[in-house]
Amino acid sequence: MTQEERRRWLIRYLQREMPEYAHYGIPDDEAGQWHLLRALFNVRPPAPVTQKFQRIEGELLKTMTAAKGIVNGMALPASGLDPRLVLWQGDITRLRIDAIVNAANSQMLGCFLPNHNCIDNIEQTMAGVEMRYDCYKLMQAQGHDEPTGKAKITSGYHLPACFVLHTVGPIVQGSLTDEHRRLLASCYESCLTLAAEHGLKSVAFCCISTGVFRFPKDEAAHIAVRTVQHWLDVHPAASIKRVIFDVFENADRRIYENLLNA
């Protein structure tokens, strides 16, 4: 199948599954087809899919990621501050690494807003719909929302990363408090601990809570670097040997450059 054939097949499958969206015609252009398909991925409730769907979705998403360029996380240059730490600016879904971190919400089901540009939406989209179902099963077994500062792990599915660490960052409403700071540090600690429990050697963090959760970028970066360094220092026998701070915006890159001597 061509990429267009895959997009059309997946759209038709999802429209049959969710007939309330069947009235949307399939656009003729690539961008329009992807916009519709991604929207259907985003609004789909957690549920299993057929093996054929898994295969076609995987072929589509992996081809898209390869076209963007897969980046070997272990080959990126170390920071001047600490050889264990790396700064990289770019799309975290391009990283070939043991695990990437997802800034999730407490339901752990991903972002349901069609084509929203948050990291949760992007990672869930490029991993494929099985990740949402995996998260759903974890949360059903747990029986309650994920507490802020804690983390869960799933397969990376169609991502170059082997696993995804999902963590719930603090939401800042009003003034920043010491509790916000403690919970943000706990996100980093929980992810590293979970990664080490699974024997992972490399982890890439996104900027947790600095988007719609409104944690100030500068202080969040200071907490991130300080917490990760301290965790690595007090766990010298842990499997983790490399931690990447992935940033997307130039403002975040400048903050981390100053902190890491990158």
Protein backbone atom coordinates (compact mmCIF):
# COMPACT_ATOMS: atom_id res chain seq x y z
CA MET A 1 0.00 0.00 0.00
CA THR A 2 1.06 3.58 -0.59
CA GLN A 3 0.89 6.14 2.21
CA GLU A 4 -2.28 7.58 0.66
CA GLU A 5 -3.88 4.15 0.51
CA ARG A 6 -2.99 3.62 4.19
CA ARG A 7 -4.48 6.96 5.21
CA ARG A 8 -7.70 6.29 3.31
CA TRP A 9 -8.00 2.75 4.69
CA LEU A 10 -7.51 3.93 8.28
CA ILE A 11 -9.97 6.82 7.88
CA ARG A 12 -12.64 4.50 6.53
CA TYR A 13 -12.04 2.00 9.35
CA LEU A 14 -12.39 4.69 12.02
CA GLN A 15 -15.46 6.23 10.37
CA ARG A 16 -17.15 2.81 10.35
CA GLU A 17 -16.21 2.40 13.98
CA MET A 18 -17.39 5.94 14.87
CA PRO A 19 -20.30 6.62 12.49
CA GLU A 20 -20.89 10.06 14.00
CA TYR A 21 -17.84 11.16 11.96
CA ALA A 22 -18.77 9.34 8.76
CA HIS A 23 -20.11 12.50 7.13
CA TYR A 24 -16.60 13.94 6.84
CA GLY A 25 -15.39 13.42 3.29
CA ILE A 26 -11.82 12.29 2.70
CA PRO A 27 -9.80 15.20 1.29
CA ASP A 28 -7.81 14.72 -1.90
CA ASP A 29 -4.56 16.20 -0.55
CA GLU A 30 -2.04 14.60 1.80
CA ALA A 31 -2.23 17.33 4.45
CA GLY A 32 -6.01 17.23 4.55
CA GLN A 33 -6.09 13.45 4.81
CA TRP A 34 -3.59 13.47 7.69
CA HIS A 35 -5.51 16.26 9.46
CA LEU A 36 -8.69 14.18 9.35
CA LEU A 37 -6.97 10.93 10.28
CA ARG A 38 -5.13 12.47 13.22
CA ALA A 39 -8.39 14.01 14.45
CA LEU A 40 -10.04 10.58 14.34
CA PHE A 41 -7.08 9.07 16.23
CA ASN A 42 -7.44 11.81 18.85
CA VAL A 43 -11.18 11.48 19.51
CA ARG A 44 -11.28 7.66 19.45
CA PRO A 45 -12.13 6.13 22.84
CA PRO A 46 -9.72 3.51 24.21
CA ALA A 47 -10.52 0.15 22.62
CA PRO A 48 -8.71 -2.69 20.87
CA VAL A 49 -8.21 -2.74 17.10
CA THR A 50 -7.69 -5.53 14.59
CA GLN A 51 -4.26 -6.86 13.69
CA LYS A 52 -4.72 -5.48 10.18
CA PHE A 53 -5.36 -2.01 11.61
CA GLN A 54 -2.24 -2.31 13.78
CA ARG A 55 -0.14 -3.30 10.77
CA ILE A 56 -1.38 -0.55 8.45
CA GLU A 57 -1.23 2.11 11.16
CA GLY A 58 2.31 1.02 12.03
CA GLU A 59 3.44 1.16 8.40
CA LEU A 60 1.96 4.65 8.03
CA LEU A 61 3.38 6.14 11.23
CA LYS A 62 6.82 4.54 10.97
CA THR A 63 7.16 5.74 7.39
CA MET A 64 6.18 9.26 8.48
CA THR A 65 8.72 9.24 11.31
CA ALA A 66 11.46 7.91 9.04
CA ALA A 67 10.75 10.73 6.58
CA LYS A 68 11.20 13.29 9.37
CA GLY A 69 14.52 11.67 10.29
CA ILE A 70 15.13 9.35 13.23
CA VAL A 71 17.71 10.65 15.71
CA ASN A 72 19.94 8.28 17.68
CA GLY A 73 19.72 9.58 21.23
CA MET A 74 22.90 7.79 22.29
CA ALA A 75 24.93 9.56 19.59
CA LEU A 76 24.02 13.11 20.67
CA PRO A 77 26.87 15.14 22.23
CA ALA A 78 26.99 15.37 26.01
CA SER A 79 26.60 18.66 27.83
CA GLY A 80 29.52 20.60 29.24
CA LEU A 81 28.03 20.43 32.73
CA ASP A 82 27.70 16.65 33.04
CA PRO A 83 28.58 13.87 30.56
CA ARG A 84 25.42 12.01 31.55
CA LEU A 85 23.17 14.89 30.44
CA VAL A 86 22.28 16.00 26.91
CA LEU A 87 20.36 18.93 25.45
CA TRP A 88 18.51 18.40 22.18
CA GLN A 89 16.00 20.62 20.39
CA GLY A 90 13.46 18.89 18.19
CA ASP A 91 10.49 16.57 17.91
CA ILE A 92 10.78 14.03 20.73
CA THR A 93 8.91 11.43 18.66
CA ARG A 94 11.97 11.23 16.36
CA LEU A 95 14.30 9.97 19.10
CA ARG A 96 15.54 6.40 19.03
CA ILE A 97 16.11 5.82 22.72
CA ASP A 98 14.99 3.47 25.47
CA ALA A 99 12.22 5.77 26.72
CA ILE A 100 10.72 9.17 26.12
CA VAL A 101 8.61 10.99 28.70
CA ASN A 102 5.03 12.07 28.08
CA ALA A 103 3.49 14.93 30.06
CA ALA A 104 0.13 13.31 30.69
CA ASN A 105 -3.12 14.21 32.43
CA SER A 106 -4.40 12.39 35.50
CA GLN A 107 -6.71 10.13 33.44
CA MET A 108 -3.66 8.95 31.46
CA LEU A 109 -5.76 8.61 28.31
CA GLY A 110 -4.09 11.26 26.19
CA CYS A 111 -5.47 14.46 24.69
CA PHE A 112 -8.88 14.10 23.02
CA LEU A 113 -8.77 17.53 21.33
CA PRO A 114 -8.47 16.98 17.55
CA ASN A 115 -5.02 17.98 16.24
CA HIS A 116 -4.07 19.75 19.48
CA ASN A 117 -0.38 20.62 19.64
CA CYS A 118 0.35 19.48 23.21
CA ILE A 119 3.06 16.87 23.73
CA ASP A 120 0.51 14.34 25.02
CA ASN A 121 -1.44 14.56 21.76
CA ILE A 122 1.67 14.38 19.60
CA GLU A 123 3.17 11.36 21.36
CA GLN A 124 -0.12 9.46 21.52
CA THR A 125 -0.76 10.18 17.83
CA MET A 126 2.62 8.99 16.60
CA ALA A 127 2.65 5.94 18.89
CA GLY A 128 -0.74 4.81 17.62
CA VAL A 129 -4.12 4.10 19.17
CA GLU A 130 -2.93 1.04 21.11
CA MET A 131 -1.10 3.29 23.55
CA ARG A 132 -4.37 4.88 24.72
CA TYR A 133 -5.89 1.44 25.20
CA ASP A 134 -2.81 0.31 27.12
CA CYS A 135 -3.08 3.36 29.41
CA TYR A 136 -6.80 2.69 29.86
CA LYS A 137 -6.11 -0.86 31.05
CA LEU A 138 -3.47 0.37 33.48
CA MET A 139 -5.87 2.92 34.94
CA GLN A 140 -8.75 0.43 35.14
CA ALA A 141 -6.52 -1.92 37.10
CA GLN A 142 -5.41 0.94 39.37
CA GLY A 143 -8.97 2.08 40.00
CA HIS A 144 -8.26 5.80 40.39
CA ASP A 145 -6.65 8.73 38.59
CA GLU A 146 -2.87 8.94 38.50
CA PRO A 147 -1.56 11.16 41.32
CA THR A 148 0.49 14.20 40.38
CA GLY A 149 4.19 13.44 40.45
CA LYS A 150 3.82 9.72 39.73
CA ALA A 151 4.43 7.79 36.51
CA LYS A 152 3.39 4.79 34.44
CA ILE A 153 5.21 2.98 31.62
CA THR A 154 3.89 1.60 28.33
CA SER A 155 5.38 0.31 25.13
CA GLY A 156 6.40 2.93 22.59
CA TYR A 157 4.44 1.02 19.94
CA HIS A 158 5.15 2.72 16.58
CA LEU A 159 7.63 5.27 17.99
CA PRO A 160 11.40 4.84 17.61
CA ALA A 161 11.54 4.87 21.45
CA CYS A 162 11.06 1.46 23.03
CA PHE A 163 8.93 2.77 25.91
CA VAL A 164 6.98 5.84 27.00
CA LEU A 165 6.99 7.08 30.60
CA HIS A 166 3.74 8.91 31.34
CA THR A 167 3.86 11.38 34.23
CA VAL A 168 1.36 13.89 35.60
CA GLY A 169 2.89 17.30 36.25
CA PRO A 170 1.55 19.94 38.64
CA ILE A 171 -0.95 22.51 37.39
CA VAL A 172 -0.05 26.04 38.48
CA GLN A 173 -3.09 28.18 39.21
CA GLY A 174 -2.07 31.47 40.74
CA SER A 175 1.27 31.78 42.53
CA LEU A 176 3.95 29.11 42.35
CA THR A 177 4.28 27.21 45.65
CA ASP A 178 6.80 24.87 47.24
CA GLU A 179 4.28 22.07 46.73
CA HIS A 180 4.31 22.74 42.97
CA ARG A 181 8.10 22.54 43.04
CA ARG A 182 8.08 19.31 45.05
CA LEU A 183 5.58 17.67 42.71
CA LEU A 184 7.52 18.65 39.60
CA ALA A 185 10.70 17.18 41.06
CA SER A 186 8.73 14.05 41.88
CA CYS A 187 7.79 13.67 38.19
CA TYR A 188 11.46 13.44 37.25
CA GLU A 189 12.27 11.12 40.15
CA SER A 190 9.32 8.83 39.41
CA CYS A 191 10.24 8.53 35.73
CA LEU A 192 13.88 7.75 36.47
CA THR A 193 12.98 5.21 39.14
CA LEU A 194 10.49 3.46 36.84
CA ALA A 195 13.01 3.45 33.99
CA ALA A 196 15.68 1.94 36.23
CA GLU A 197 13.25 -0.73 37.47
CA HIS A 198 12.88 -1.80 33.83
CA GLY A 199 16.62 -1.76 33.20
CA LEU A 200 16.52 1.15 30.76
CA LYS A 201 19.75 2.97 29.93
CA SER A 202 18.49 6.18 28.32
CA VAL A 203 15.57 8.54 28.93
CA ALA A 204 14.47 11.71 27.13
CA PHE A 205 12.41 14.25 29.07
CA CYS A 206 10.08 16.79 27.53
CA CYS A 207 9.49 20.05 29.41
CA ILE A 208 6.98 18.85 32.00
CA SER A 209 4.17 21.23 33.07
CA THR A 210 5.52 24.30 31.24
CA GLY A 211 2.77 24.36 28.59
CA VAL A 212 -0.93 24.48 29.45
CA PHE A 213 -0.08 23.56 33.08
CA ARG A 214 1.66 26.98 33.34
CA PHE A 215 4.76 26.14 35.41
CA PRO A 216 7.32 28.94 34.84
CA LYS A 217 9.85 27.73 32.28
CA ASP A 218 13.02 28.98 33.96
CA GLU A 219 12.30 27.48 37.36
CA ALA A 220 11.03 24.25 35.81
CA ALA A 221 14.34 23.83 33.98
CA HIS A 222 16.34 24.44 37.15
CA ILE A 223 14.28 21.82 38.99
CA ALA A 224 14.64 19.37 36.11
CA VAL A 225 18.43 19.55 35.89
CA ARG A 226 18.98 19.65 39.65
CA THR A 227 16.64 16.71 40.30
CA VAL A 228 18.03 14.50 37.53
CA GLN A 229 21.63 15.14 38.56
CA HIS A 230 20.85 14.38 42.20
CA TRP A 231 18.97 11.20 41.31
CA LEU A 232 21.84 9.94 39.17
CA ASP A 233 24.35 10.82 41.89
CA VAL A 234 22.51 8.88 44.60
CA HIS A 235 21.83 5.89 42.32
CA PRO A 236 25.29 5.22 40.81
CA ALA A 237 24.48 1.55 40.19
CA ALA A 238 21.28 2.29 38.28
CA SER A 239 21.00 1.21 34.66
CA ILE A 240 20.42 4.78 33.39
CA LYS A 241 23.52 6.24 31.77
CA ARG A 242 22.10 9.06 29.63
CA VAL A 243 19.33 11.62 30.16
CA ILE A 244 18.25 13.93 27.34
CA PHE A 245 16.44 17.19 27.96
CA ASP A 246 14.37 17.65 24.82
CA VAL A 247 13.12 21.17 24.09
CA PHE A 248 10.99 22.42 21.25
CA GLU A 249 10.90 26.19 21.65
CA ASN A 250 13.93 28.47 21.33
CA ALA A 251 13.18 30.06 24.70
CA ASP A 252 13.49 26.67 26.41
CA ARG A 253 16.70 25.90 24.52
CA ARG A 254 18.35 29.10 25.76
CA ILE A 255 17.41 28.34 29.37
CA TYR A 256 18.84 24.82 29.20
CA GLU A 257 21.95 25.98 27.33
CA ASN A 258 22.78 28.25 30.24
CA LEU A 259 22.16 25.51 32.79
CA LEU A 260 24.02 22.73 30.97
CA ASN A 261 26.86 24.73 29.42
CA ALA A 262 25.67 23.24 26.14
